[in-house]
Amino acid sequence: HVLDTSTGIPAYGINISLYISPGSQDSANEDGEKQWILVGERTTNSDGRAKFIFAEFENPHISEEVMTYKMIFWTENYFQRTGTPTFYPKVEIYFRIVDPA
């Protein structure tokens, strides 16, 4: 749920990208960078919500129990559309699901 705190109303039309990275926080490629796999993209509706159903992103080729997720909220276009200067052109949030049960 995305709320525009400058107006107090839901933020409509923000694109969101969801990525996964299997394994522990220490897993990285040979360059030391964490591997991210794009698993879905959504756009917030008039209530500022975008529904991701995590079961849709199950991948039989990824057997790791611990998954780290990254969501990118592409806020720049929203603020341009509303005529609001922005400090953050995008917002990235990271979280980990250790026990999906």
C-alpha atoms as a PDB file:
ATOM      1  CA  HIS A   1       0.000   0.000   0.000  1.00  0.00           C
ATOM      2  CA  VAL A   2       1.511   3.304  -1.092  1.00  0.00           C
ATOM      3  CA  LEU A   3       0.338   6.530   0.483  1.00  0.00           C
ATOM      4  CA  ASP A   4       1.415   9.969  -0.700  1.00  0.00           C
ATOM      5  CA  THR A   5       2.159  11.509   2.684  1.00  0.00           C
ATOM      6  CA  SER A   6       2.248  15.028   1.234  1.00  0.00           C
ATOM      7  CA  THR A   7      -1.457  14.766   0.365  1.00  0.00           C
ATOM      8  CA  GLY A   8      -2.669  11.947   2.593  1.00  0.00           C
ATOM      9  CA  ILE A   9      -4.179  10.076  -0.349  1.00  0.00           C
ATOM     10  CA  PRO A  10      -3.238   6.766  -1.995  1.00  0.00           C
ATOM     11  CA  ALA A  11      -0.577   7.004  -4.694  1.00  0.00           C
ATOM     12  CA  TYR A  12      -2.118   5.790  -7.963  1.00  0.00           C
ATOM     13  CA  GLY A  13       0.006   4.589 -10.886  1.00  0.00           C
ATOM     14  CA  ILE A  14       3.349   3.836  -9.234  1.00  0.00           C
ATOM     15  CA  ASN A  15       5.167   1.003 -10.975  1.00  0.00           C
ATOM     16  CA  ILE A  16       6.648  -1.623  -8.663  1.00  0.00           C
ATOM     17  CA  SER A  17       9.237  -4.263  -9.579  1.00  0.00           C
ATOM     18  CA  LEU A  18       9.706  -7.363  -7.413  1.00  0.00           C
ATOM     19  CA  TYR A  19      12.981  -9.294  -7.442  1.00  0.00           C
ATOM     20  CA  ILE A  20      14.182 -12.380  -5.579  1.00  0.00           C
ATOM     21  CA  SER A  21      17.644 -13.513  -4.637  1.00  0.00           C
ATOM     22  CA  PRO A  22      17.874 -17.103  -3.445  1.00  0.00           C
ATOM     23  CA  GLY A  23      20.151 -18.076  -0.604  1.00  0.00           C
ATOM     24  CA  SER A  24      21.746 -16.280   2.269  1.00  0.00           C
ATOM     25  CA  GLN A  25      22.777 -12.653   2.379  1.00  0.00           C
ATOM     26  CA  ASP A  26      26.323 -13.757   1.613  1.00  0.00           C
ATOM     27  CA  SER A  27      25.439 -15.342  -1.741  1.00  0.00           C
ATOM     28  CA  ALA A  28      26.964 -13.363  -4.588  1.00  0.00           C
ATOM     29  CA  ASN A  29      28.378 -13.813  -8.054  1.00  0.00           C
ATOM     30  CA  GLU A  30      32.092 -13.878  -8.905  1.00  0.00           C
ATOM     31  CA  ASP A  31      32.119 -10.049  -8.908  1.00  0.00           C
ATOM     32  CA  GLY A  32      30.776  -9.958  -5.362  1.00  0.00           C
ATOM     33  CA  GLU A  33      27.356  -8.707  -6.459  1.00  0.00           C
ATOM     34  CA  LYS A  34      24.106 -10.273  -5.285  1.00  0.00           C
ATOM     35  CA  GLN A  35      22.138 -11.955  -8.057  1.00  0.00           C
ATOM     36  CA  TRP A  36      18.585 -10.604  -8.515  1.00  0.00           C
ATOM     37  CA  ILE A  37      15.856 -12.244 -10.596  1.00  0.00           C
ATOM     38  CA  LEU A  38      12.906 -10.129 -11.709  1.00  0.00           C
ATOM     39  CA  VAL A  39       9.759 -12.082 -10.839  1.00  0.00           C
ATOM     40  CA  GLY A  40       6.966  -9.569 -11.282  1.00  0.00           C
ATOM     41  CA  GLU A  41       5.881  -6.037 -12.016  1.00  0.00           C
ATOM     42  CA  ARG A  42       2.688  -4.309 -10.929  1.00  0.00           C
ATOM     43  CA  THR A  43       1.214  -0.805 -10.871  1.00  0.00           C
ATOM     44  CA  THR A  44      -0.620   0.647  -7.890  1.00  0.00           C
ATOM     45  CA  ASN A  45      -4.372   1.011  -8.301  1.00  0.00           C
ATOM     46  CA  SER A  46      -6.612   3.874  -7.138  1.00  0.00           C
ATOM     47  CA  ASP A  47      -6.264   2.621  -3.549  1.00  0.00           C
ATOM     48  CA  GLY A  48      -2.466   2.738  -3.830  1.00  0.00           C
ATOM     49  CA  ARG A  49      -2.284  -1.054  -3.765  1.00  0.00           C
ATOM     50  CA  ALA A  50      -0.548  -3.561  -6.022  1.00  0.00           C
ATOM     51  CA  LYS A  51      -1.182  -7.234  -5.434  1.00  0.00           C
ATOM     52  CA  PHE A  52       1.677  -9.690  -5.596  1.00  0.00           C
ATOM     53  CA  ILE A  53       0.827 -13.342  -4.990  1.00  0.00           C
ATOM     54  CA  PHE A  54       4.084 -14.882  -3.905  1.00  0.00           C
ATOM     55  CA  ALA A  55       3.056 -18.400  -4.947  1.00  0.00           C
ATOM     56  CA  GLU A  56       3.106 -17.123  -8.555  1.00  0.00           C
ATOM     57  CA  PHE A  57       6.862 -16.658  -8.262  1.00  0.00           C
ATOM     58  CA  GLU A  58       7.809 -20.139  -7.122  1.00  0.00           C
ATOM     59  CA  ASN A  59      10.576 -21.438  -9.325  1.00  0.00           C
ATOM     60  CA  PRO A  60      11.363 -25.172  -9.335  1.00  0.00           C
ATOM     61  CA  HIS A  61      14.966 -24.340 -10.285  1.00  0.00           C
ATOM     62  CA  ILE A  62      15.455 -22.429  -7.017  1.00  0.00           C
ATOM     63  CA  SER A  63      15.586 -24.784  -4.066  1.00  0.00           C
ATOM     64  CA  GLU A  64      16.783 -22.364  -1.404  1.00  0.00           C
ATOM     65  CA  GLU A  65      14.574 -22.016   1.657  1.00  0.00           C
ATOM     66  CA  VAL A  66      15.745 -18.512   2.480  1.00  0.00           C
ATOM     67  CA  MET A  67      14.705 -15.916  -0.074  1.00  0.00           C
ATOM     68  CA  THR A  68      15.636 -12.260  -0.045  1.00  0.00           C
ATOM     69  CA  TYR A  69      13.242  -9.952  -1.852  1.00  0.00           C
ATOM     70  CA  LYS A  70      13.749  -6.497  -3.284  1.00  0.00           C
ATOM     71  CA  MET A  71      10.896  -4.198  -4.244  1.00  0.00           C
ATOM     72  CA  ILE A  72      11.581  -1.102  -6.300  1.00  0.00           C
ATOM     73  CA  PHE A  73       8.952   1.617  -6.245  1.00  0.00           C
ATOM     74  CA  TRP A  74       9.496   3.818  -9.317  1.00  0.00           C
ATOM     75  CA  THR A  75       8.290   7.079  -7.783  1.00  0.00           C
ATOM     76  CA  GLU A  76       9.757   9.661 -10.151  1.00  0.00           C
ATOM     77  CA  ASN A  77       6.995   9.422 -12.789  1.00  0.00           C
ATOM     78  CA  TYR A  78       4.318   9.670 -10.089  1.00  0.00           C
ATOM     79  CA  PHE A  79       5.792  12.862  -8.673  1.00  0.00           C
ATOM     80  CA  GLN A  80       6.284  14.355 -12.144  1.00  0.00           C
ATOM     81  CA  ARG A  81       2.643  13.601 -12.946  1.00  0.00           C
ATOM     82  CA  THR A  82       1.471  15.278  -9.728  1.00  0.00           C
ATOM     83  CA  GLY A  83       3.803  18.249 -10.172  1.00  0.00           C
ATOM     84  CA  THR A  84       5.631  17.486  -6.942  1.00  0.00           C
ATOM     85  CA  PRO A  85       9.420  17.800  -6.685  1.00  0.00           C
ATOM     86  CA  THR A  86      10.957  14.578  -5.429  1.00  0.00           C
ATOM     87  CA  PHE A  87      14.136  13.728  -3.617  1.00  0.00           C
ATOM     88  CA  TYR A  88      13.785  10.004  -4.380  1.00  0.00           C
ATOM     89  CA  PRO A  89      13.324   8.936  -8.040  1.00  0.00           C
ATOM     90  CA  LYS A  90      12.925   5.367  -6.776  1.00  0.00           C
ATOM     91  CA  VAL A  91      12.625   3.627  -3.435  1.00  0.00           C
ATOM     92  CA  GLU A  92      14.129   0.188  -2.813  1.00  0.00           C
ATOM     93  CA  ILE A  93      12.985  -2.022   0.036  1.00  0.00           C
ATOM     94  CA  TYR A  94      14.675  -5.285   0.950  1.00  0.00           C
ATOM     95  CA  PHE A  95      13.185  -8.044   3.075  1.00  0.00           C
ATOM     96  CA  ARG A  96      13.788 -11.713   3.761  1.00  0.00           C
ATOM     97  CA  ILE A  97      11.347 -14.556   4.262  1.00  0.00           C
ATOM     98  CA  VAL A  98      13.000 -17.282   6.298  1.00  0.00           C
ATOM     99  CA  ASP A  99       9.957 -19.453   7.062  1.00  0.00           C
ATOM    100  CA  PRO A 100       7.150 -19.068   4.520  1.00  0.00           C
ATOM    101  CA  ALA A 101       4.767 -21.225   6.585  1.00  0.00           C
END
